[in-house]
N, C-alpha and C. Protein backbone atom coordinates (compact mmCIF):
# COMPACT_ATOMS: atom_id res chain seq x y z
N MET A 1 -65.16 -139.20 -171.46
CA MET A 1 -65.17 -140.63 -171.70
C MET A 1 -66.62 -141.06 -171.85
N GLY A 2 -66.86 -141.93 -172.82
CA GLY A 2 -68.20 -142.44 -173.00
C GLY A 2 -68.97 -141.69 -174.06
N MET A 3 -70.20 -142.09 -174.22
CA MET A 3 -71.03 -141.52 -175.26
C MET A 3 -71.91 -140.40 -174.73
N LYS A 4 -72.00 -139.34 -175.53
CA LYS A 4 -72.91 -138.23 -175.26
C LYS A 4 -73.86 -138.13 -176.44
N ALA A 5 -74.93 -137.42 -176.25
CA ALA A 5 -75.88 -137.24 -177.35
C ALA A 5 -75.14 -136.64 -178.54
N GLY A 6 -75.33 -137.22 -179.70
CA GLY A 6 -74.70 -136.71 -180.90
C GLY A 6 -73.34 -137.31 -181.21
N ASP A 7 -72.76 -138.07 -180.26
CA ASP A 7 -71.47 -138.70 -180.51
C ASP A 7 -71.62 -139.81 -181.55
N VAL A 8 -70.62 -139.91 -182.39
CA VAL A 8 -70.57 -140.99 -183.36
C VAL A 8 -69.61 -142.04 -182.82
N VAL A 9 -70.07 -143.26 -182.76
CA VAL A 9 -69.25 -144.35 -182.23
C VAL A 9 -68.08 -144.56 -183.19
N PRO A 10 -66.86 -144.59 -182.66
CA PRO A 10 -65.70 -144.86 -183.52
C PRO A 10 -65.80 -146.25 -184.14
N GLU A 11 -65.13 -146.43 -185.28
CA GLU A 11 -65.12 -147.75 -185.92
C GLU A 11 -64.34 -148.75 -185.10
N SER A 12 -63.20 -148.28 -184.54
CA SER A 12 -62.32 -149.20 -183.81
C SER A 12 -61.42 -148.42 -182.86
N CYS A 13 -60.71 -149.16 -182.03
CA CYS A 13 -59.73 -148.58 -181.12
C CYS A 13 -58.44 -148.35 -181.89
N ASP A 14 -57.85 -147.17 -181.73
CA ASP A 14 -56.61 -146.85 -182.42
C ASP A 14 -55.41 -147.57 -181.83
N CYS A 15 -55.57 -148.25 -180.71
CA CYS A 15 -54.46 -148.97 -180.10
C CYS A 15 -54.53 -150.46 -180.44
N CYS A 16 -55.57 -151.14 -180.01
CA CYS A 16 -55.66 -152.59 -180.21
C CYS A 16 -56.19 -152.95 -181.59
N GLY A 17 -56.87 -152.01 -182.25
CA GLY A 17 -57.38 -152.25 -183.59
C GLY A 17 -58.68 -153.02 -183.65
N HIS A 18 -59.20 -153.46 -182.49
CA HIS A 18 -60.47 -154.19 -182.50
C HIS A 18 -61.60 -153.23 -182.82
N ASP A 19 -62.65 -153.76 -183.47
CA ASP A 19 -63.77 -152.88 -183.76
C ASP A 19 -64.49 -152.51 -182.47
N ALA A 20 -65.27 -151.46 -182.54
CA ALA A 20 -65.90 -150.87 -181.36
C ALA A 20 -66.71 -151.88 -180.55
N GLU A 21 -67.43 -152.76 -181.22
CA GLU A 21 -68.24 -153.74 -180.50
C GLU A 21 -67.37 -154.76 -179.79
N ASP A 22 -66.31 -155.24 -180.46
CA ASP A 22 -65.45 -156.27 -179.87
C ASP A 22 -64.66 -155.79 -178.66
N CYS A 23 -64.30 -154.52 -178.61
CA CYS A 23 -63.48 -154.05 -177.49
C CYS A 23 -64.29 -153.26 -176.46
N GLY A 24 -65.62 -153.32 -176.55
CA GLY A 24 -66.47 -152.75 -175.51
C GLY A 24 -66.76 -151.27 -175.61
N MET A 25 -66.40 -150.65 -176.73
CA MET A 25 -66.62 -149.21 -176.86
C MET A 25 -68.10 -148.85 -176.90
N LEU A 26 -68.93 -149.75 -177.43
CA LEU A 26 -70.37 -149.48 -177.49
C LEU A 26 -70.99 -149.48 -176.09
N GLU A 27 -70.56 -150.45 -175.25
CA GLU A 27 -71.15 -150.59 -173.91
C GLU A 27 -70.48 -149.69 -172.89
N ASN A 28 -69.15 -149.59 -172.96
CA ASN A 28 -68.38 -148.93 -171.90
C ASN A 28 -67.86 -147.54 -172.26
N GLY A 29 -67.98 -147.16 -173.50
CA GLY A 29 -67.48 -145.87 -173.93
C GLY A 29 -66.04 -145.95 -174.39
N TRP A 30 -65.45 -144.80 -174.62
CA TRP A 30 -64.08 -144.73 -175.13
C TRP A 30 -63.44 -143.46 -174.64
N VAL A 31 -62.15 -143.35 -174.88
CA VAL A 31 -61.38 -142.18 -174.47
C VAL A 31 -60.79 -141.56 -175.73
N SER A 32 -60.99 -140.26 -175.89
CA SER A 32 -60.38 -139.52 -177.00
C SER A 32 -59.21 -138.73 -176.44
N ASP A 33 -58.12 -138.72 -177.19
CA ASP A 33 -56.94 -138.00 -176.72
C ASP A 33 -56.28 -137.26 -177.86
N ALA A 34 -56.10 -135.96 -177.70
CA ALA A 34 -55.37 -135.16 -178.67
C ALA A 34 -54.10 -134.61 -178.05
N GLN A 35 -53.89 -134.84 -176.77
CA GLN A 35 -52.72 -134.31 -176.08
C GLN A 35 -51.45 -135.08 -176.47
N PHE A 36 -51.52 -136.39 -176.55
CA PHE A 36 -50.34 -137.19 -176.80
C PHE A 36 -50.12 -137.49 -178.28
N LEU A 37 -51.18 -137.46 -179.06
CA LEU A 37 -51.06 -137.70 -180.50
C LEU A 37 -51.53 -136.45 -181.24
N ALA A 38 -50.72 -135.97 -182.15
CA ALA A 38 -51.04 -134.73 -182.86
C ALA A 38 -52.39 -134.83 -183.57
N GLY A 39 -52.66 -135.96 -184.20
CA GLY A 39 -53.92 -136.13 -184.91
C GLY A 39 -55.05 -136.62 -184.03
N GLY A 40 -54.78 -136.79 -182.75
CA GLY A 40 -55.79 -137.31 -181.84
C GLY A 40 -55.81 -138.83 -181.88
N GLY A 41 -56.56 -139.41 -181.01
CA GLY A 41 -56.68 -140.86 -180.97
C GLY A 41 -57.95 -141.22 -180.22
N VAL A 42 -58.48 -142.38 -180.53
CA VAL A 42 -59.68 -142.88 -179.87
C VAL A 42 -59.36 -144.29 -179.38
N TYR A 43 -59.56 -144.51 -178.07
CA TYR A 43 -59.14 -145.76 -177.47
C TYR A 43 -60.27 -146.39 -176.66
N CYS A 44 -60.33 -147.73 -176.69
CA CYS A 44 -61.23 -148.42 -175.79
C CYS A 44 -60.71 -148.19 -174.37
N ARG A 45 -61.55 -148.41 -173.38
CA ARG A 45 -61.14 -148.13 -172.00
C ARG A 45 -59.97 -148.99 -171.55
N ALA A 46 -59.91 -150.24 -172.00
CA ALA A 46 -58.80 -151.11 -171.60
C ALA A 46 -57.47 -150.58 -172.14
N CYS A 47 -57.43 -150.16 -173.39
CA CYS A 47 -56.20 -149.62 -173.96
C CYS A 47 -55.86 -148.27 -173.33
N ALA A 48 -56.86 -147.45 -173.08
CA ALA A 48 -56.61 -146.15 -172.44
C ALA A 48 -55.99 -146.36 -171.07
N HIS A 49 -56.40 -147.40 -170.38
CA HIS A 49 -55.81 -147.73 -169.08
C HIS A 49 -54.35 -148.14 -169.25
N LEU A 50 -54.08 -149.03 -170.20
CA LEU A 50 -52.71 -149.49 -170.42
C LEU A 50 -51.80 -148.36 -170.90
N LEU A 51 -52.37 -147.41 -171.64
CA LEU A 51 -51.59 -146.25 -172.10
C LEU A 51 -51.49 -145.17 -171.03
N ARG A 52 -52.12 -145.43 -169.88
CA ARG A 52 -52.12 -144.50 -168.74
C ARG A 52 -52.82 -143.17 -169.03
N LEU A 53 -53.84 -143.24 -169.88
CA LEU A 53 -54.66 -142.07 -170.13
C LEU A 53 -55.77 -141.97 -169.10
N VAL A 54 -56.24 -143.11 -168.61
CA VAL A 54 -57.23 -143.19 -167.53
C VAL A 54 -56.83 -144.35 -166.63
N ARG A 55 -57.33 -144.35 -165.43
CA ARG A 55 -57.06 -145.45 -164.49
C ARG A 55 -58.36 -146.16 -164.19
N LEU A 56 -58.41 -147.43 -164.51
CA LEU A 56 -59.57 -148.25 -164.18
C LEU A 56 -59.27 -149.00 -162.89
N GLU A 57 -60.29 -149.24 -162.09
CA GLU A 57 -60.08 -150.05 -160.89
C GLU A 57 -59.72 -151.46 -161.32
N GLU A 58 -58.74 -152.04 -160.62
CA GLU A 58 -58.30 -153.38 -160.93
C GLU A 58 -58.35 -154.25 -159.69
N GLU A 59 -58.42 -155.55 -159.92
CA GLU A 59 -58.40 -156.51 -158.83
C GLU A 59 -57.63 -157.73 -159.29
N CYS A 60 -57.15 -158.50 -158.34
CA CYS A 60 -56.40 -159.71 -158.66
C CYS A 60 -57.27 -160.64 -159.50
N VAL A 61 -56.67 -161.18 -160.53
CA VAL A 61 -57.41 -162.03 -161.45
C VAL A 61 -57.92 -163.31 -160.78
N TRP A 62 -57.29 -163.75 -159.68
CA TRP A 62 -57.72 -164.99 -159.04
C TRP A 62 -58.53 -164.79 -157.77
N CYS A 63 -58.12 -163.88 -156.90
CA CYS A 63 -58.82 -163.78 -155.61
C CYS A 63 -59.71 -162.54 -155.51
N ASP A 64 -59.72 -161.69 -156.52
CA ASP A 64 -60.56 -160.49 -156.57
C ASP A 64 -60.19 -159.43 -155.53
N GLU A 65 -59.00 -159.54 -154.91
CA GLU A 65 -58.56 -158.49 -153.99
C GLU A 65 -58.37 -157.21 -154.78
N PRO A 66 -58.96 -156.10 -154.33
CA PRO A 66 -58.79 -154.85 -155.08
C PRO A 66 -57.35 -154.35 -155.00
N MET A 67 -56.88 -153.85 -156.12
CA MET A 67 -55.54 -153.27 -156.16
C MET A 67 -55.62 -151.85 -155.63
N VAL A 68 -54.72 -151.54 -154.73
CA VAL A 68 -54.66 -150.18 -154.21
C VAL A 68 -53.99 -149.29 -155.25
N GLU A 69 -53.78 -148.06 -154.93
CA GLU A 69 -53.12 -147.12 -155.83
C GLU A 69 -51.87 -147.77 -156.41
N GLU A 70 -51.58 -147.48 -157.66
CA GLU A 70 -50.57 -148.20 -158.43
C GLU A 70 -49.18 -148.25 -157.78
N GLU A 71 -48.67 -147.14 -157.31
CA GLU A 71 -47.33 -147.14 -156.71
C GLU A 71 -47.30 -147.96 -155.41
N ALA A 72 -48.36 -147.85 -154.62
CA ALA A 72 -48.43 -148.63 -153.38
C ALA A 72 -48.55 -150.12 -153.70
N ALA A 73 -49.32 -150.46 -154.73
CA ALA A 73 -49.46 -151.86 -155.13
C ALA A 73 -48.13 -152.43 -155.58
N GLU A 74 -47.40 -151.67 -156.36
CA GLU A 74 -46.08 -152.12 -156.81
C GLU A 74 -45.15 -152.33 -155.63
N ALA A 75 -45.19 -151.43 -154.68
CA ALA A 75 -44.34 -151.55 -153.49
C ALA A 75 -44.70 -152.80 -152.67
N ARG A 76 -45.98 -153.20 -152.69
CA ARG A 76 -46.42 -154.39 -151.96
C ARG A 76 -46.13 -155.68 -152.70
N GLY A 77 -45.76 -155.59 -153.98
CA GLY A 77 -45.42 -156.79 -154.73
C GLY A 77 -46.43 -157.24 -155.78
N TRP A 78 -47.41 -156.40 -156.10
CA TRP A 78 -48.34 -156.73 -157.17
C TRP A 78 -47.56 -156.76 -158.48
N VAL A 79 -47.97 -157.63 -159.38
CA VAL A 79 -47.35 -157.73 -160.70
C VAL A 79 -48.45 -157.93 -161.76
N TYR A 80 -48.07 -157.74 -163.00
CA TYR A 80 -48.92 -158.12 -164.13
C TYR A 80 -48.23 -159.30 -164.79
N TYR A 81 -48.99 -160.28 -165.17
CA TYR A 81 -48.41 -161.39 -165.91
C TYR A 81 -49.15 -161.50 -167.23
N ALA A 82 -48.45 -161.98 -168.24
CA ALA A 82 -49.03 -162.15 -169.57
C ALA A 82 -49.48 -163.59 -169.74
N ASP A 83 -50.73 -163.76 -170.15
CA ASP A 83 -51.23 -165.12 -170.41
C ASP A 83 -50.75 -165.59 -171.78
N GLU A 84 -51.19 -166.75 -172.21
CA GLU A 84 -50.75 -167.32 -173.48
C GLU A 84 -51.18 -166.51 -174.69
N PHE A 85 -52.12 -165.58 -174.50
CA PHE A 85 -52.58 -164.72 -175.59
C PHE A 85 -51.91 -163.34 -175.56
N GLY A 86 -51.07 -163.11 -174.55
CA GLY A 86 -50.38 -161.83 -174.43
C GLY A 86 -51.16 -160.79 -173.65
N SER A 87 -52.33 -161.14 -173.11
CA SER A 87 -53.11 -160.21 -172.30
C SER A 87 -52.50 -160.12 -170.91
N LEU A 88 -52.44 -158.90 -170.37
CA LEU A 88 -51.88 -158.70 -169.04
C LEU A 88 -52.96 -158.78 -167.98
N HIS A 89 -52.62 -159.43 -166.85
CA HIS A 89 -53.56 -159.61 -165.75
C HIS A 89 -52.88 -159.23 -164.44
N PRO A 90 -53.57 -158.44 -163.58
CA PRO A 90 -52.98 -158.10 -162.29
C PRO A 90 -53.02 -159.30 -161.34
N CYS A 91 -51.96 -159.43 -160.57
CA CYS A 91 -51.83 -160.55 -159.64
C CYS A 91 -51.29 -160.03 -158.31
N CYS A 92 -52.00 -160.33 -157.23
CA CYS A 92 -51.56 -159.88 -155.90
C CYS A 92 -50.38 -160.75 -155.44
N PRO A 93 -49.62 -160.28 -154.46
CA PRO A 93 -48.46 -161.05 -153.99
C PRO A 93 -48.81 -162.44 -153.46
N ALA A 94 -49.94 -162.58 -152.79
CA ALA A 94 -50.33 -163.89 -152.24
C ALA A 94 -50.60 -164.89 -153.36
N CYS A 95 -51.33 -164.48 -154.39
CA CYS A 95 -51.61 -165.38 -155.51
C CYS A 95 -50.37 -165.64 -156.35
N LEU A 96 -49.49 -164.66 -156.44
CA LEU A 96 -48.22 -164.85 -157.14
C LEU A 96 -47.44 -165.99 -156.50
N ALA A 97 -47.37 -165.98 -155.18
CA ALA A 97 -46.66 -167.03 -154.45
C ALA A 97 -47.40 -168.37 -154.56
N ARG A 98 -48.73 -168.33 -154.38
CA ARG A 98 -49.52 -169.57 -154.38
C ARG A 98 -49.54 -170.23 -155.76
N ARG A 99 -49.72 -169.46 -156.81
CA ARG A 99 -49.87 -170.02 -158.15
C ARG A 99 -48.55 -170.32 -158.85
N PHE A 100 -47.56 -169.44 -158.62
CA PHE A 100 -46.32 -169.57 -159.36
C PHE A 100 -45.12 -169.89 -158.48
N GLY A 101 -45.31 -169.90 -157.16
CA GLY A 101 -44.19 -170.17 -156.27
C GLY A 101 -43.16 -169.06 -156.28
N ILE A 102 -43.61 -167.86 -156.63
CA ILE A 102 -42.70 -166.72 -156.75
C ILE A 102 -43.04 -165.70 -155.67
N THR A 103 -42.02 -165.21 -155.02
CA THR A 103 -42.21 -164.11 -154.10
C THR A 103 -41.67 -162.86 -154.77
N ALA A 104 -42.50 -161.87 -154.91
CA ALA A 104 -42.08 -160.63 -155.57
C ALA A 104 -41.01 -159.95 -154.74
N ARG A 105 -40.03 -159.43 -155.43
CA ARG A 105 -39.00 -158.65 -154.75
C ARG A 105 -39.57 -157.27 -154.51
N VAL A 106 -39.74 -156.93 -153.28
CA VAL A 106 -40.35 -155.65 -152.91
C VAL A 106 -39.25 -154.65 -152.63
N SER A 107 -39.33 -153.53 -153.33
CA SER A 107 -38.34 -152.47 -153.11
C SER A 107 -38.71 -151.67 -151.88
N LEU A 108 -37.75 -151.49 -151.03
CA LEU A 108 -37.97 -150.70 -149.81
C LEU A 108 -37.39 -149.30 -149.94
N GLY A 109 -36.96 -148.97 -151.16
CA GLY A 109 -36.44 -147.63 -151.39
C GLY A 109 -35.03 -147.44 -150.87
N ARG A 110 -34.30 -148.52 -150.62
CA ARG A 110 -32.93 -148.42 -150.16
C ARG A 110 -31.99 -148.93 -151.24
N ASP A 111 -30.82 -148.37 -151.30
CA ASP A 111 -29.81 -148.85 -152.24
C ASP A 111 -29.17 -150.11 -151.69
N GLY A 112 -28.73 -150.97 -152.63
CA GLY A 112 -27.97 -152.15 -152.25
C GLY A 112 -28.82 -153.26 -151.85
């Protein structure tokens, strides 16, 4: 991930389609993947995270609480919500309740 000497900056992200400068590939690097796509693919870090090729550290969009490991966060009631532009944002259970009046249904691993 990222730039090495001799690397050529991709024109754009193969997922979101934004050019390299707009999606942060110049500053933050990118992820190349040939395992999931036969012809390979080049992704900005945000798209690589959403495609589960890499894991970026996340925090609640409002209170900055760090999100723990993904499965544990889901079990605690963390959610992603889509804003008016369709971008997904992580939200902790406390902010979910405070901002939206919603209490996440937490699975305890039991049937019924």
